[in-house]
Full PDB file with SEQRES, HELIX, SHEET, SSBOND, CRYST1, ORIGX, SCALE, CONECT and MASTER records, all heavy atoms in Angstrom:
SEQRES   1 A   32  ILE ALA LEU ALA ASN SER PHE LEU GLU GLU PHE PHE PHE          
SEQRES   2 A   32  ARG GLY TYR GLY PHE ILE THR LEU LYS LYS TYR THR ASN          
SEQRES   3 A   32  ARG ARG PHE ALA TYR LEU                                      
HELIX    1 AA1 ALA A    4  GLU A    9  1                                   6    
HELIX    2 AA2 GLU A   10  THR A   20  3                                  11    
HELIX    3 AA3 LEU A   21  LYS A   23  5                                   3    
HELIX    4 AA4 ARG A   27  TYR A   31  1                                   5    
CRYST1    1.000    1.000    1.000  90.00  90.00  90.00 P 1           1          
ORIGX1      1.000000  0.000000  0.000000        0.00000                         
ORIGX2      0.000000  1.000000  0.000000        0.00000                         
ORIGX3      0.000000  0.000000  1.000000        0.00000                         
SCALE1      1.000000  0.000000  0.000000        0.00000                         
SCALE2      0.000000  1.000000  0.000000        0.00000                         
SCALE3      0.000000  0.000000  1.000000        0.00000                         
ATOM      1  N   ILE A   1      86.415 101.216  99.999  1.00  0.00           N  
ATOM      2  CA  ILE A   1      86.613 100.671 101.341  1.00  0.00           C  
ATOM      3  C   ILE A   1      86.408  99.162 101.355  1.00  0.00           C  
ATOM      4  O   ILE A   1      87.194  98.420 101.949  1.00  0.00           O  
ATOM      5  CB  ILE A   1      85.658 101.354 102.350  1.00  0.00           C  
ATOM      6  CG1 ILE A   1      86.092 102.802 102.596  1.00  0.00           C  
ATOM      7  CG2 ILE A   1      85.647 100.592 103.676  1.00  0.00           C  
ATOM      8  CD1 ILE A   1      85.170 103.576 103.509  1.00  0.00           C  
ATOM      9  N   ALA A   2      85.345  98.703 100.708  1.00  0.00           N  
ATOM     10  CA  ALA A   2      85.016  97.283 100.750  1.00  0.00           C  
ATOM     11  C   ALA A   2      86.053  96.422 100.041  1.00  0.00           C  
ATOM     12  O   ALA A   2      86.411  95.343 100.532  1.00  0.00           O  
ATOM     13  CB  ALA A   2      83.634  97.051 100.147  1.00  0.00           C  
ATOM     14  N   LEU A   3      86.565  96.879  98.914  1.00  0.00           N  
ATOM     15  CA  LEU A   3      87.460  96.053  98.106  1.00  0.00           C  
ATOM     16  C   LEU A   3      88.937  96.409  98.298  1.00  0.00           C  
ATOM     17  O   LEU A   3      89.730  95.571  98.748  1.00  0.00           O  
ATOM     18  CB  LEU A   3      87.081  96.169  96.625  1.00  0.00           C  
ATOM     19  CG  LEU A   3      85.655  95.726  96.267  1.00  0.00           C  
ATOM     20  CD1 LEU A   3      85.395  95.943  94.786  1.00  0.00           C  
ATOM     21  CD2 LEU A   3      85.420  94.273  96.639  1.00  0.00           C  
ATOM     22  N   ALA A   4      89.316  97.639  97.971  1.00  0.00           N  
ATOM     23  CA  ALA A   4      90.738  98.001  97.971  1.00  0.00           C  
ATOM     24  C   ALA A   4      91.277  98.255  99.380  1.00  0.00           C  
ATOM     25  O   ALA A   4      92.321  97.719  99.763  1.00  0.00           O  
ATOM     26  CB  ALA A   4      90.955  99.238  97.099  1.00  0.00           C  
ATOM     27  N   ASN A   5      90.577  99.076 100.161  1.00  0.00           N  
ATOM     28  CA  ASN A   5      91.086  99.430 101.482  1.00  0.00           C  
ATOM     29  C   ASN A   5      91.165  98.212 102.402  1.00  0.00           C  
ATOM     30  O   ASN A   5      92.120  98.070 103.169  1.00  0.00           O  
ATOM     31  CB  ASN A   5      90.206 100.508 102.124  1.00  0.00           C  
ATOM     32  CG  ASN A   5      90.868 101.138 103.329  1.00  0.00           C  
ATOM     33  OD1 ASN A   5      91.856 101.842 103.226  1.00  0.00           O  
ATOM     34  ND2 ASN A   5      90.309 100.875 104.509  1.00  0.00           N  
ATOM     35  N   SER A   6      90.168  97.335 102.310  1.00  0.00           N  
ATOM     36  CA  SER A   6      90.192  96.130 103.139  1.00  0.00           C  
ATOM     37  C   SER A   6      91.399  95.260 102.787  1.00  0.00           C  
ATOM     38  O   SER A   6      92.046  94.688 103.672  1.00  0.00           O  
ATOM     39  CB  SER A   6      88.894  95.338 102.974  1.00  0.00           C  
ATOM     40  OG  SER A   6      88.719  94.915 101.640  1.00  0.00           O  
ATOM     41  N   PHE A   7      91.722  95.174 101.495  1.00  0.00           N  
ATOM     42  CA  PHE A   7      92.876  94.376 101.066  1.00  0.00           C  
ATOM     43  C   PHE A   7      94.179  94.986 101.584  1.00  0.00           C  
ATOM     44  O   PHE A   7      95.056  94.265 102.100  1.00  0.00           O  
ATOM     45  CB  PHE A   7      92.918  94.287  99.537  1.00  0.00           C  
ATOM     46  CG  PHE A   7      93.992  93.376  99.012  1.00  0.00           C  
ATOM     47  CD1 PHE A   7      93.782  92.014  98.928  1.00  0.00           C  
ATOM     48  CD2 PHE A   7      95.229  93.889  98.621  1.00  0.00           C  
ATOM     49  CE1 PHE A   7      94.786  91.159  98.462  1.00  0.00           C  
ATOM     50  CE2 PHE A   7      96.226  93.050  98.155  1.00  0.00           C  
ATOM     51  CZ  PHE A   7      96.005  91.687  98.069  1.00  0.00           C  
ATOM     52  N   LEU A   8      94.311  96.299 101.472  1.00  0.00           N  
ATOM     53  CA  LEU A   8      95.518  96.972 101.943  1.00  0.00           C  
ATOM     54  C   LEU A   8      95.686  96.825 103.455  1.00  0.00           C  
ATOM     55  O   LEU A   8      96.799  96.595 103.952  1.00  0.00           O  
ATOM     56  CB  LEU A   8      95.473  98.453 101.558  1.00  0.00           C  
ATOM     57  CG  LEU A   8      95.623  98.763 100.065  1.00  0.00           C  
ATOM     58  CD1 LEU A   8      95.275 100.220  99.790  1.00  0.00           C  
ATOM     59  CD2 LEU A   8      97.037  98.456  99.592  1.00  0.00           C  
ATOM     60  N   GLU A   9      94.590  96.961 104.193  1.00  0.00           N  
ATOM     61  CA  GLU A   9      94.656  96.806 105.646  1.00  0.00           C  
ATOM     62  C   GLU A   9      95.035  95.384 106.031  1.00  0.00           C  
ATOM     63  O   GLU A   9      95.802  95.174 106.981  1.00  0.00           O  
ATOM     64  CB  GLU A   9      93.330  97.204 106.289  1.00  0.00           C  
ATOM     65  CG  GLU A   9      93.074  98.710 106.271  1.00  0.00           C  
ATOM     66  CD  GLU A   9      91.790  99.099 106.977  1.00  0.00           C  
ATOM     67  OE1 GLU A   9      91.107  98.204 107.514  1.00  0.00           O  
ATOM     68  OE2 GLU A   9      91.466 100.300 106.999  1.00  0.00           O  
ATOM     69  N   GLU A  10      94.501  94.402 105.311  1.00  0.00           N  
ATOM     70  CA  GLU A  10      94.852  93.012 105.612  1.00  0.00           C  
ATOM     71  C   GLU A  10      96.320  92.735 105.295  1.00  0.00           C  
ATOM     72  O   GLU A  10      97.000  92.036 106.045  1.00  0.00           O  
ATOM     73  CB  GLU A  10      93.937  92.051 104.842  1.00  0.00           C  
ATOM     74  CG  GLU A  10      92.522  92.015 105.362  1.00  0.00           C  
ATOM     75  CD  GLU A  10      92.463  91.853 106.872  1.00  0.00           C  
ATOM     76  OE1 GLU A  10      93.022  90.865 107.395  1.00  0.00           O  
ATOM     77  OE2 GLU A  10      91.883  92.725 107.546  1.00  0.00           O  
ATOM     78  N   PHE A  11      96.794  93.282 104.199  1.00  0.00           N  
ATOM     79  CA  PHE A  11      98.210  93.133 103.868  1.00  0.00           C  
ATOM     80  C   PHE A  11      99.085  93.757 104.954  1.00  0.00           C  
ATOM     81  O   PHE A  11     100.054  93.143 105.426  1.00  0.00           O  
ATOM     82  CB  PHE A  11      98.510  93.785 102.514  1.00  0.00           C  
ATOM     83  CG  PHE A  11      99.975  93.990 102.246  1.00  0.00           C  
ATOM     84  CD1 PHE A  11     100.851  92.917 102.218  1.00  0.00           C  
ATOM     85  CD2 PHE A  11     100.484  95.270 102.045  1.00  0.00           C  
ATOM     86  CE1 PHE A  11     102.217  93.106 101.981  1.00  0.00           C  
ATOM     87  CE2 PHE A  11     101.834  95.462 101.805  1.00  0.00           C  
ATOM     88  CZ  PHE A  11     102.706  94.378 101.768  1.00  0.00           C  
ATOM     89  N   PHE A  12      98.728  94.966 105.388  1.00  0.00           N  
ATOM     90  CA  PHE A  12      99.571  95.702 106.328  1.00  0.00           C  
ATOM     91  C   PHE A  12      99.471  95.149 107.749  1.00  0.00           C  
ATOM     92  O   PHE A  12     100.499  94.869 108.387  1.00  0.00           O  
ATOM     93  CB  PHE A  12      99.174  97.181 106.314  1.00  0.00           C  
ATOM     94  CG  PHE A  12     100.121  98.059 107.087  1.00  0.00           C  
ATOM     95  CD1 PHE A  12     101.373  98.365 106.577  1.00  0.00           C  
ATOM     96  CD2 PHE A  12      99.754  98.602 108.302  1.00  0.00           C  
ATOM     97  CE1 PHE A  12     102.259  99.174 107.292  1.00  0.00           C  
ATOM     98  CE2 PHE A  12     100.620  99.421 109.016  1.00  0.00           C  
ATOM     99  CZ  PHE A  12     101.875  99.706 108.509  1.00  0.00           C  
ATOM    100  N   PHE A  13      98.247  94.993 108.259  1.00  0.00           N  
ATOM    101  CA  PHE A  13      98.080  94.612 109.665  1.00  0.00           C  
ATOM    102  C   PHE A  13      98.148  93.104 109.903  1.00  0.00           C  
ATOM    103  O   PHE A  13      98.577  92.673 110.974  1.00  0.00           O  
ATOM    104  CB  PHE A  13      96.765  95.160 110.217  1.00  0.00           C  
ATOM    105  CG  PHE A  13      96.770  96.647 110.393  1.00  0.00           C  
ATOM    106  CD1 PHE A  13      96.089  97.464 109.500  1.00  0.00           C  
ATOM    107  CD2 PHE A  13      97.459  97.239 111.430  1.00  0.00           C  
ATOM    108  CE1 PHE A  13      96.098  98.854 109.649  1.00  0.00           C  
ATOM    109  CE2 PHE A  13      97.473  98.618 111.592  1.00  0.00           C  
ATOM    110  CZ  PHE A  13      96.796  99.428 110.691  1.00  0.00           C  
ATOM    111  N   ARG A  14      97.701  92.305 108.948  1.00  0.00           N  
ATOM    112  CA  ARG A  14      97.737  90.863 109.135  1.00  0.00           C  
ATOM    113  C   ARG A  14      98.942  90.228 108.423  1.00  0.00           C  
ATOM    114  O   ARG A  14      99.670  89.441 109.007  1.00  0.00           O  
ATOM    115  CB  ARG A  14      96.433  90.222 108.647  1.00  0.00           C  
ATOM    116  CG  ARG A  14      95.560  89.750 109.782  1.00  0.00           C  
ATOM    117  CD  ARG A  14      95.054  90.882 110.655  1.00  0.00           C  
ATOM    118  NE  ARG A  14      94.121  91.756 109.965  1.00  0.00           N  
ATOM    119  CZ  ARG A  14      93.533  92.809 110.525  1.00  0.00           C  
ATOM    120  NH1 ARG A  14      93.805  93.141 111.769  1.00  0.00           N  
ATOM    121  NH2 ARG A  14      92.685  93.557 109.838  1.00  0.00           N  
ATOM    122  N   GLY A  15      99.145  90.581 107.145  1.00  0.00           N  
ATOM    123  CA  GLY A  15     100.256  89.977 106.427  1.00  0.00           C  
ATOM    124  C   GLY A  15     101.604  90.414 106.968  1.00  0.00           C  
ATOM    125  O   GLY A  15     102.471  89.586 107.284  1.00  0.00           O  
ATOM    126  N   TYR A  16     101.778  91.728 107.075  1.00  0.00           N  
ATOM    127  CA  TYR A  16     103.030  92.317 107.562  1.00  0.00           C  
ATOM    128  C   TYR A  16     103.057  92.369 109.086  1.00  0.00           C  
ATOM    129  O   TYR A  16     104.060  92.026 109.713  1.00  0.00           O  
ATOM    130  CB  TYR A  16     103.174  93.707 106.958  1.00  0.00           C  
ATOM    131  CG  TYR A  16     104.310  94.551 107.460  1.00  0.00           C  
ATOM    132  CD1 TYR A  16     105.637  94.164 107.279  1.00  0.00           C  
ATOM    133  CD2 TYR A  16     104.060  95.778 108.085  1.00  0.00           C  
ATOM    134  CE1 TYR A  16     106.680  94.962 107.722  1.00  0.00           C  
ATOM    135  CE2 TYR A  16     105.100  96.576 108.518  1.00  0.00           C  
ATOM    136  CZ  TYR A  16     106.404  96.171 108.334  1.00  0.00           C  
ATOM    137  OH  TYR A  16     107.437  96.964 108.770  1.00  0.00           O  
ATOM    138  N   GLY A  17     101.938  92.770 109.696  1.00  0.00           N  
ATOM    139  CA  GLY A  17     101.900  93.005 111.136  1.00  0.00           C  
ATOM    140  C   GLY A  17     101.715  91.763 111.980  1.00  0.00           C  
ATOM    141  O   GLY A  17     102.005  91.785 113.174  1.00  0.00           O  
ATOM    142  N   PHE A  18     101.233  90.671 111.370  1.00  0.00           N  
ATOM    143  CA  PHE A  18     101.084  89.440 112.153  1.00  0.00           C  
ATOM    144  C   PHE A  18     101.893  88.274 111.575  1.00  0.00           C  
ATOM    145  O   PHE A  18     102.798  87.764 112.220  1.00  0.00           O  
ATOM    146  CB  PHE A  18      99.614  89.034 112.251  1.00  0.00           C  
ATOM    147  CG  PHE A  18      99.420  87.679 112.875  1.00  0.00           C  
ATOM    148  CD1 PHE A  18      99.753  87.460 114.202  1.00  0.00           C  
ATOM    149  CD2 PHE A  18      98.931  86.610 112.130  1.00  0.00           C  
ATOM    150  CE1 PHE A  18      99.614  86.200 114.786  1.00  0.00           C  
ATOM    151  CE2 PHE A  18      98.783  85.353 112.694  1.00  0.00           C  
ATOM    152  CZ  PHE A  18      99.123  85.138 114.026  1.00  0.00           C  
ATOM    153  N   ILE A  19     101.576  87.871 110.335  1.00  0.00           N  
ATOM    154  CA  ILE A  19     102.243  86.695 109.756  1.00  0.00           C  
ATOM    155  C   ILE A  19     103.755  86.899 109.687  1.00  0.00           C  
ATOM    156  O   ILE A  19     104.536  86.015 110.035  1.00  0.00           O  
ATOM    157  CB  ILE A  19     101.668  86.387 108.359  1.00  0.00           C  
ATOM    158  CG1 ILE A  19     100.193  85.987 108.464  1.00  0.00           C  
ATOM    159  CG2 ILE A  19     102.466  85.262 107.696  1.00  0.00           C  
ATOM    160  CD1 ILE A  19      99.481  85.828 107.123  1.00  0.00           C  
ATOM    161  N   THR A  20     104.183  88.090 109.237  1.00  0.00           N  
ATOM    162  CA  THR A  20     105.619  88.368 109.158  1.00  0.00           C  
ATOM    163  C   THR A  20     106.207  88.602 110.545  1.00  0.00           C  
ATOM    164  O   THR A  20     107.267  88.062 110.876  1.00  0.00           O  
ATOM    165  CB  THR A  20     105.877  89.604 108.269  1.00  0.00           C  
ATOM    166  OG1 THR A  20     105.322  89.380 106.971  1.00  0.00           O  
ATOM    167  CG2 THR A  20     107.373  89.868 108.134  1.00  0.00           C  
ATOM    168  N   LEU A  21     105.519  89.392 111.372  1.00  0.00           N  
ATOM    169  CA  LEU A  21     106.045  89.724 112.698  1.00  0.00           C  
ATOM    170  C   LEU A  21     106.254  88.488 113.556  1.00  0.00           C  
ATOM    171  O   LEU A  21     107.258  88.390 114.279  1.00  0.00           O  
ATOM    172  CB  LEU A  21     105.096  90.695 113.410  1.00  0.00           C  
ATOM    173  CG  LEU A  21     105.471  91.089 114.847  1.00  0.00           C  
ATOM    174  CD1 LEU A  21     106.815  91.797 114.881  1.00  0.00           C  
ATOM    175  CD2 LEU A  21     104.384  91.966 115.457  1.00  0.00           C  
ATOM    176  N   LYS A  22     105.342  87.526 113.504  1.00  0.00           N  
ATOM    177  CA  LYS A  22     105.445  86.365 114.405  1.00  0.00           C  
ATOM    178  C   LYS A  22     106.655  85.487 114.073  1.00  0.00           C  
ATOM    179  O   LYS A  22     107.045  84.651 114.884  1.00  0.00           O  
ATOM    180  CB  LYS A  22     104.162  85.542 114.388  1.00  0.00           C  
ATOM    181  CG  LYS A  22     103.940  84.707 113.163  1.00  0.00           C  
ATOM    182  CD  LYS A  22     102.742  83.786 113.355  1.00  0.00           C  
ATOM    183  CE  LYS A  22     102.585  82.894 112.119  1.00  0.00           C  
ATOM    184  NZ  LYS A  22     101.587  81.853 112.325  1.00  0.00           N  
ATOM    185  N   LYS A  23     107.265  85.683 112.902  1.00  0.00           N  
ATOM    186  CA  LYS A  23     108.479  84.946 112.561  1.00  0.00           C  
ATOM    187  C   LYS A  23     109.690  85.476 113.332  1.00  0.00           C  
ATOM    188  O   LYS A  23     110.713  84.802 113.420  1.00  0.00           O  
ATOM    189  CB  LYS A  23     108.748  85.029 111.052  1.00  0.00           C  
ATOM    190  CG  LYS A  23     107.651  84.406 110.187  1.00  0.00           C  
ATOM    191  CD  LYS A  23     107.959  84.521 108.712  1.00  0.00           C  
ATOM    192  CE  LYS A  23     106.802  84.052 107.843  1.00  0.00           C  
ATOM    193  NZ  LYS A  23     106.412  82.665 108.066  1.00  0.00           N  
ATOM    194  N   TYR A  24     109.564  86.697 113.884  1.00  0.00           N  
ATOM    195  CA  TYR A  24     110.700  87.317 114.572  1.00  0.00           C  
ATOM    196  C   TYR A  24     110.401  87.614 116.045  1.00  0.00           C  
ATOM    197  O   TYR A  24     111.220  88.211 116.738  1.00  0.00           O  
ATOM    198  CB  TYR A  24     111.087  88.622 113.873  1.00  0.00           C  
ATOM    199  CG  TYR A  24     111.236  88.458 112.379  1.00  0.00           C  
ATOM    200  CD1 TYR A  24     110.335  89.040 111.502  1.00  0.00           C  
ATOM    201  CD2 TYR A  24     112.274  87.686 111.849  1.00  0.00           C  
ATOM    202  CE1 TYR A  24     110.459  88.880 110.130  1.00  0.00           C  
ATOM    203  CE2 TYR A  24     112.407  87.507 110.485  1.00  0.00           C  
ATOM    204  CZ  TYR A  24     111.490  88.107 109.626  1.00  0.00           C  
ATOM    205  OH  TYR A  24     111.603  87.929 108.270  1.00  0.00           O  
ATOM    206  N   THR A  25     109.223  87.199 116.509  1.00  0.00           N  
ATOM    207  CA  THR A  25     108.867  87.407 117.906  1.00  0.00           C  
ATOM    208  C   THR A  25     107.966  86.256 118.323  1.00  0.00           C  
ATOM    209  O   THR A  25     107.713  85.345 117.532  1.00  0.00           O  
ATOM    210  CB  THR A  25     108.159  88.767 118.098  1.00  0.00           C  
ATOM    211  OG1 THR A  25     107.924  88.979 119.491  1.00  0.00           O  
ATOM    212  CG2 THR A  25     106.826  88.805 117.367  1.00  0.00           C  
ATOM    213  N   ASN A  26     107.447  86.298 119.537  1.00  0.00           N  
ATOM    214  CA  ASN A  26     106.575  85.186 119.931  1.00  0.00           C  
ATOM    215  C   ASN A  26     105.154  85.401 119.421  1.00  0.00           C  
ATOM    216  O   ASN A  26     104.717  86.525 119.182  1.00  0.00           O  
ATOM    217  CB  ASN A  26     106.598  84.973 121.454  1.00  0.00           C  
ATOM    218  CG  ASN A  26     105.921  86.095 122.214  1.00  0.00           C  
ATOM    219  OD1 ASN A  26     104.700  86.227 122.206  1.00  0.00           O  
ATOM    220  ND2 ASN A  26     106.724  86.916 122.882  1.00  0.00           N  
ATOM    221  N   ARG A  27     104.457  84.299 119.249  1.00  0.00           N  
ATOM    222  CA  ARG A  27     103.136  84.284 118.616  1.00  0.00           C  
ATOM    223  C   ARG A  27     102.128  85.131 119.374  1.00  0.00           C  
ATOM    224  O   ARG A  27     101.355  85.875 118.779  1.00  0.00           O  
ATOM    225  CB  ARG A  27     102.666  82.828 118.530  1.00  0.00           C  
ATOM    226  CG  ARG A  27     101.292  82.601 117.924  1.00  0.00           C  
ATOM    227  CD  ARG A  27     101.092  81.102 117.728  1.00  0.00           C  
ATOM    228  NE  ARG A  27      99.737  80.779 117.334  1.00  0.00           N  
ATOM    229  CZ  ARG A  27      98.787  80.407 118.178  1.00  0.00           C  
ATOM    230  NH1 ARG A  27      99.063  80.348 119.484  1.00  0.00           N  
ATOM    231  NH2 ARG A  27      97.571  80.130 117.755  1.00  0.00           N  
ATOM    232  N   ARG A  28     102.110  85.042 120.692  1.00  0.00           N  
ATOM    233  CA  ARG A  28     101.137  85.789 121.503  1.00  0.00           C  
ATOM    234  C   ARG A  28     101.315  87.297 121.329  1.00  0.00           C  
ATOM    235  O   ARG A  28     100.340  88.033 121.180  1.00  0.00           O  
ATOM    236  CB  ARG A  28     101.276  85.411 122.975  1.00  0.00           C  
ATOM    237  CG  ARG A  28     100.273  86.099 123.890  1.00  0.00           C  
ATOM    238  CD  ARG A  28     100.431  85.648 125.332  1.00  0.00           C  
ATOM    239  NE  ARG A  28     100.148  84.228 125.474  1.00  0.00           N  
ATOM    240  CZ  ARG A  28     100.245  83.564 126.623  1.00  0.00           C  
ATOM    241  NH1 ARG A  28     100.646  84.200 127.721  1.00  0.00           N  
ATOM    242  NH2 ARG A  28      99.959  82.281 126.679  1.00  0.00           N  
ATOM    243  N   PHE A  29     102.564  87.746 121.345  1.00  0.00           N  
ATOM    244  CA  PHE A  29     102.830  89.169 121.158  1.00  0.00           C  
ATOM    245  C   PHE A  29     102.349  89.633 119.787  1.00  0.00           C  
ATOM    246  O   PHE A  29     101.744  90.698 119.658  1.00  0.00           O  
ATOM    247  CB  PHE A  29     104.329  89.457 121.305  1.00  0.00           C  
ATOM    248  CG  PHE A  29     104.695  90.890 121.037  1.00  0.00           C  
ATOM    249  CD1 PHE A  29     104.531  91.859 122.016  1.00  0.00           C  
ATOM    250  CD2 PHE A  29     105.182  91.274 119.786  1.00  0.00           C  
ATOM    251  CE1 PHE A  29     104.855  93.187 121.762  1.00  0.00           C  
ATOM    252  CE2 PHE A  29     105.508  92.596 119.526  1.00  0.00           C  
ATOM    253  CZ  PHE A  29     105.341  93.555 120.514  1.00  0.00           C  
ATOM    254  N   ALA A  30     102.638  88.843 118.740  1.00  0.00           N  
ATOM    255  CA  ALA A  30     102.223  89.209 117.384  1.00  0.00           C  
ATOM    256  C   ALA A  30     100.697  89.309 117.288  1.00  0.00           C  
ATOM    257  O   ALA A  30     100.168  90.217 116.644  1.00  0.00           O  
ATOM    258  CB  ALA A  30     102.755  88.191 116.380  1.00  0.00           C  
ATOM    259  N   TYR A  31      99.998  88.361 117.923  1.00  0.00           N  
ATOM    260  CA  TYR A  31      98.539  88.399 117.939  1.00  0.00           C  
ATOM    261  C   TYR A  31      98.034  89.708 118.524  1.00  0.00           C  
ATOM    262  O   TYR A  31      97.220  90.417 117.913  1.00  0.00           O  
ATOM    263  CB  TYR A  31      98.001  87.233 118.785  1.00  0.00           C  
ATOM    264  CG  TYR A  31      97.419  86.085 117.995  1.00  0.00           C  
ATOM    265  CD1 TYR A  31      98.171  84.952 117.744  1.00  0.00           C  
ATOM    266  CD2 TYR A  31      96.116  86.124 117.519  1.00  0.00           C  
ATOM    267  CE1 TYR A  31      97.650  83.889 117.029  1.00  0.00           C  
ATOM    268  CE2 TYR A  31      95.579  85.063 116.809  1.00  0.00           C  
ATOM    269  CZ  TYR A  31      96.346  83.941 116.566  1.00  0.00           C  
ATOM    270  OH  TYR A  31      95.825  82.890 115.856  1.00  0.00           O  
ATOM    271  N   LEU A  32      98.488  90.026 119.735  1.00  0.00           N  
ATOM    272  CA  LEU A  32      97.964  91.187 120.458  1.00  0.00           C  
ATOM    273  C   LEU A  32      98.425  92.501 119.854  1.00  0.00           C  
ATOM    274  O   LEU A  32      97.641  93.432 119.688  1.00  0.00           O  
ATOM    275  CB  LEU A  32      98.374  91.107 121.931  1.00  0.00           C  
ATOM    276  CG  LEU A  32      97.677  90.031 122.768  1.00  0.00           C  
ATOM    277  CD1 LEU A  32      98.259  89.990 124.175  1.00  0.00           C  
ATOM    278  CD2 LEU A  32      96.170  90.281 122.832  1.00  0.00           C  
TER     279      LEU A  32                                                      
MASTER        0    0    0    4    0    0    0    6  278    1    0    3          
END                                                                             
């Protein structure tokens, strides 16, 4: 959980779900 799962969650929810998403929508929506 501390090492692998945290990395996967950050990749999925922040890397894919925020950094990538905000390129195709507005920043506020991507944040929330």
